[in-house]
Each structure stands twice: as C-alpha cells, then as structure tokens.
Amino acid sequence: MCTMRNFPNLIEHCIEWGRDSFNTLFVNRTQDTLNFIANPDQFLAELRKNTTSSGALSQLMEVANIVELKSTANYQQCV
C-alpha cells in the first residue's frame, strides 16, 4: 500500500491505485452519504469509533459536499 500511495511505478500498482481511488470516490463516499441520511446518529457514532479526528473531518466534509450536490441538483457543480 505504501508503494501505491507514494510512487506506483509498476502497472499492477497503477491498476490497484486506480481501483482504490475509484472506490473511495464513487462507492465508499456514496455509501457513507446514504448511511448518514438514513441514520445520522449511528453514522457519527461509528465514525468516532473507527476513524481518527482528521479522517472523520475529511469524511464528513465529503458527505456534506454530496448532500449539497443532491439538494441543489446542479449539473455544473457536480462536474
């Protein structure tokens, strides 16, 4: 994982880095947002239990961005 984060120079590293980036952006954050909308208290409790403070802040900011995009339904903002 360190090789992929710092310098993915082999094709296998690049593929794995791409898969990880895709999942983070389009799967994990979307699922986090759905979980937050369904039950905010439980989501925050799990976040406190399983994530560092800076990681939790980053994750909450991403969730807030997605919720804002959904509420405005603005295609230009999404792009």
N, C-alpha and C. Protein backbone atom coordinates (compact mmCIF):
# COMPACT_ATOMS: atom_id res chain seq x y z
N MET A 1 0.82 -1.19 0.00
CA MET A 1 0.00 0.00 0.00
C MET A 1 0.87 1.26 0.00
N CYS A 2 1.99 1.25 0.72
CA CYS A 2 2.87 2.43 0.74
C CYS A 2 3.40 2.73 -0.65
N THR A 3 3.77 1.68 -1.40
CA THR A 3 4.29 1.89 -2.75
C THR A 3 3.22 2.54 -3.62
N MET A 4 1.99 2.11 -3.49
CA MET A 4 0.91 2.66 -4.32
C MET A 4 0.64 4.11 -3.96
N ARG A 5 0.68 4.46 -2.69
CA ARG A 5 0.37 5.83 -2.26
C ARG A 5 1.50 6.80 -2.63
N ASN A 6 2.74 6.34 -2.58
CA ASN A 6 3.87 7.23 -2.80
C ASN A 6 4.34 7.25 -4.25
N PHE A 7 4.52 6.10 -4.85
CA PHE A 7 5.04 6.07 -6.22
C PHE A 7 4.65 4.77 -6.90
N PRO A 8 3.45 4.72 -7.47
CA PRO A 8 3.01 3.48 -8.14
C PRO A 8 3.67 3.34 -9.52
N ASN A 9 4.86 2.71 -9.57
CA ASN A 9 5.60 2.66 -10.83
C ASN A 9 5.35 1.39 -11.64
N LEU A 10 4.86 0.34 -11.06
CA LEU A 10 4.53 -0.86 -11.82
C LEU A 10 3.07 -0.80 -12.25
N ILE A 11 2.76 -1.48 -13.35
CA ILE A 11 1.39 -1.46 -13.86
C ILE A 11 0.40 -2.00 -12.82
N GLU A 12 0.82 -3.01 -12.07
CA GLU A 12 -0.07 -3.56 -11.02
C GLU A 12 -0.36 -2.51 -9.95
N HIS A 13 0.66 -1.71 -9.61
CA HIS A 13 0.46 -0.64 -8.61
C HIS A 13 -0.52 0.39 -9.14
N CYS A 14 -0.35 0.77 -10.41
CA CYS A 14 -1.22 1.78 -11.02
C CYS A 14 -2.67 1.31 -11.08
N ILE A 15 -2.85 0.05 -11.44
CA ILE A 15 -4.21 -0.51 -11.51
C ILE A 15 -4.84 -0.52 -10.12
N GLU A 16 -4.10 -0.97 -9.13
CA GLU A 16 -4.62 -1.03 -7.77
C GLU A 16 -4.90 0.37 -7.22
N TRP A 17 -4.03 1.32 -7.54
CA TRP A 17 -4.24 2.70 -7.11
C TRP A 17 -5.52 3.26 -7.74
N GLY A 18 -5.72 2.99 -9.03
CA GLY A 18 -6.92 3.44 -9.72
C GLY A 18 -8.18 2.84 -9.13
N ARG A 19 -8.13 1.55 -8.84
CA ARG A 19 -9.29 0.87 -8.24
C ARG A 19 -9.61 1.46 -6.87
N ASP A 20 -8.56 1.69 -6.07
CA ASP A 20 -8.74 2.26 -4.74
C ASP A 20 -9.32 3.66 -4.83
N SER A 21 -8.81 4.47 -5.75
CA SER A 21 -9.31 5.84 -5.92
C SER A 21 -10.76 5.84 -6.37
N PHE A 22 -11.10 4.98 -7.33
CA PHE A 22 -12.48 4.89 -7.81
C PHE A 22 -13.42 4.49 -6.68
N ASN A 23 -13.05 3.45 -5.93
CA ASN A 23 -13.90 3.00 -4.82
C ASN A 23 -14.08 4.09 -3.77
N THR A 24 -13.02 4.80 -3.46
CA THR A 24 -13.11 5.87 -2.47
C THR A 24 -14.06 6.95 -2.93
N LEU A 25 -13.93 7.38 -4.19
CA LEU A 25 -14.75 8.48 -4.69
C LEU A 25 -16.19 8.10 -4.98
N PHE A 26 -16.41 6.95 -5.61
CA PHE A 26 -17.73 6.65 -6.14
C PHE A 26 -18.50 5.56 -5.39
N VAL A 27 -17.84 4.82 -4.54
CA VAL A 27 -18.54 3.76 -3.80
C VAL A 27 -18.59 4.10 -2.32
N ASN A 28 -17.43 4.28 -1.70
CA ASN A 28 -17.38 4.49 -0.25
C ASN A 28 -18.07 5.79 0.17
N ARG A 29 -17.77 6.90 -0.50
CA ARG A 29 -18.37 8.17 -0.11
C ARG A 29 -19.88 8.19 -0.37
N THR A 30 -20.31 7.55 -1.44
CA THR A 30 -21.74 7.47 -1.70
C THR A 30 -22.44 6.65 -0.63
N GLN A 31 -21.83 5.53 -0.26
CA GLN A 31 -22.42 4.69 0.78
C GLN A 31 -22.41 5.41 2.13
N ASP A 32 -21.33 6.15 2.41
CA ASP A 32 -21.28 6.94 3.65
C ASP A 32 -22.43 7.95 3.68
N THR A 33 -22.68 8.60 2.56
CA THR A 33 -23.75 9.59 2.49
C THR A 33 -25.11 8.95 2.71
N LEU A 34 -25.33 7.80 2.08
CA LEU A 34 -26.60 7.10 2.28
C LEU A 34 -26.78 6.67 3.74
N ASN A 35 -25.71 6.19 4.35
CA ASN A 35 -25.76 5.80 5.77
C ASN A 35 -26.04 7.01 6.66
N PHE A 36 -25.41 8.14 6.34
CA PHE A 36 -25.62 9.36 7.12
C PHE A 36 -27.07 9.83 7.01
N ILE A 37 -27.62 9.80 5.81
CA ILE A 37 -29.00 10.25 5.61
C ILE A 37 -29.98 9.31 6.33
N ALA A 38 -29.70 8.01 6.29
CA ALA A 38 -30.60 7.03 6.91
C ALA A 38 -30.59 7.13 8.44
N ASN A 39 -29.41 7.31 9.02
CA ASN A 39 -29.30 7.34 10.48
C ASN A 39 -28.07 8.15 10.88
N PRO A 40 -28.20 9.47 11.00
CA PRO A 40 -27.03 10.32 11.29
C PRO A 40 -26.36 9.99 12.62
N ASP A 41 -27.13 9.70 13.65
CA ASP A 41 -26.53 9.42 14.97
C ASP A 41 -25.67 8.16 14.93
N GLN A 42 -26.17 7.12 14.32
CA GLN A 42 -25.41 5.87 14.23
C GLN A 42 -24.16 6.07 13.36
N PHE A 43 -24.30 6.81 12.26
CA PHE A 43 -23.16 7.07 11.38
C PHE A 43 -22.06 7.80 12.14
N LEU A 44 -22.43 8.84 12.90
CA LEU A 44 -21.44 9.61 13.65
C LEU A 44 -20.80 8.77 14.75
N ALA A 45 -21.58 7.92 15.39
CA ALA A 45 -21.02 7.05 16.43
C ALA A 45 -20.00 6.08 15.83
N GLU A 46 -20.32 5.49 14.70
CA GLU A 46 -19.38 4.58 14.02
C GLU A 46 -18.14 5.33 13.56
N LEU A 47 -18.33 6.54 13.09
CA LEU A 47 -17.22 7.34 12.62
C LEU A 47 -16.27 7.66 13.77
N ARG A 48 -16.82 8.04 14.91
CA ARG A 48 -15.99 8.32 16.09
C ARG A 48 -15.21 7.09 16.54
N LYS A 49 -15.86 5.95 16.44
CA LYS A 49 -15.26 4.71 16.93
C LYS A 49 -14.15 4.21 16.00
N ASN A 50 -14.31 4.38 14.68
CA ASN A 50 -13.43 3.74 13.72
C ASN A 50 -12.47 4.65 12.97
N THR A 51 -12.49 5.96 13.22
CA THR A 51 -11.71 6.88 12.41
C THR A 51 -11.00 7.91 13.29
N THR A 52 -9.84 8.38 12.82
CA THR A 52 -9.15 9.46 13.52
C THR A 52 -9.92 10.76 13.34
N SER A 53 -9.57 11.77 14.11
CA SER A 53 -10.26 13.06 14.04
C SER A 53 -10.13 13.68 12.66
N SER A 54 -8.92 13.68 12.11
CA SER A 54 -8.73 14.30 10.78
C SER A 54 -9.43 13.48 9.70
N GLY A 55 -9.43 12.16 9.84
CA GLY A 55 -10.13 11.30 8.88
C GLY A 55 -11.63 11.50 8.96
N ALA A 56 -12.14 11.66 10.18
CA ALA A 56 -13.57 11.88 10.36
C ALA A 56 -13.99 13.22 9.77
N LEU A 57 -13.17 14.25 9.98
CA LEU A 57 -13.48 15.56 9.42
C LEU A 57 -13.51 15.51 7.90
N SER A 58 -12.52 14.85 7.32
CA SER A 58 -12.46 14.72 5.86
C SER A 58 -13.68 13.97 5.33
N GLN A 59 -14.04 12.89 5.99
CA GLN A 59 -15.19 12.09 5.57
C GLN A 59 -16.48 12.89 5.69
N LEU A 60 -16.64 13.64 6.77
CA LEU A 60 -17.85 14.45 6.95
C LEU A 60 -17.93 15.56 5.91
N MET A 61 -16.79 16.14 5.55
CA MET A 61 -16.80 17.18 4.52
C MET A 61 -17.23 16.61 3.18
N GLU A 62 -16.77 15.40 2.86
CA GLU A 62 -17.18 14.75 1.62
C GLU A 62 -18.68 14.44 1.62
N VAL A 63 -19.17 13.96 2.75
CA VAL A 63 -20.60 13.68 2.88
C VAL A 63 -21.40 14.97 2.70
N ALA A 64 -20.94 16.06 3.32
CA ALA A 64 -21.62 17.35 3.19
C ALA A 64 -21.63 17.81 1.75
N ASN A 65 -20.54 17.62 1.03
CA ASN A 65 -20.49 18.00 -0.38
C ASN A 65 -21.51 17.23 -1.20
N ILE A 66 -21.62 15.94 -0.95
CA ILE A 66 -22.57 15.12 -1.71
C ILE A 66 -24.00 15.50 -1.37
N VAL A 67 -24.28 15.74 -0.10
CA VAL A 67 -25.64 16.16 0.30
C VAL A 67 -25.98 17.50 -0.35
N GLU A 68 -25.02 18.42 -0.40
CA GLU A 68 -25.26 19.71 -1.03
C GLU A 68 -25.53 19.55 -2.53
N LEU A 69 -24.75 18.68 -3.18
CA LEU A 69 -24.98 18.43 -4.60
C LEU A 69 -26.38 17.89 -4.84
N LYS A 70 -26.81 16.97 -3.97
CA LYS A 70 -28.14 16.39 -4.12
C LYS A 70 -29.22 17.44 -3.91
N SER A 71 -29.02 18.32 -2.95
CA SER A 71 -30.06 19.30 -2.66
C SER A 71 -30.18 20.36 -3.75
N THR A 72 -29.07 20.72 -4.38
CA THR A 72 -29.13 21.74 -5.43
C THR A 72 -29.45 21.12 -6.78
N ALA A 73 -29.06 19.86 -6.98
CA ALA A 73 -29.27 19.16 -8.25
C ALA A 73 -28.71 19.97 -9.41
N ASN A 74 -27.54 20.56 -9.20
CA ASN A 74 -26.90 21.39 -10.20
C ASN A 74 -25.84 20.58 -10.93
N TYR A 75 -26.05 20.35 -12.21
CA TYR A 75 -25.13 19.54 -13.01
C TYR A 75 -23.74 20.19 -13.08
N GLN A 76 -23.69 21.49 -13.21
CA GLN A 76 -22.40 22.19 -13.30
C GLN A 76 -21.58 22.00 -12.03
N GLN A 77 -22.20 22.04 -10.87
CA GLN A 77 -21.49 21.81 -9.60
C GLN A 77 -20.98 20.38 -9.54
N CYS A 78 -21.76 19.45 -10.00
CA CYS A 78 -21.38 18.05 -9.97
C CYS A 78 -20.14 17.80 -10.81
N VAL A 79 -20.10 18.40 -12.00
CA VAL A 79 -18.95 18.22 -12.87
C VAL A 79 -17.77 18.91 -12.27
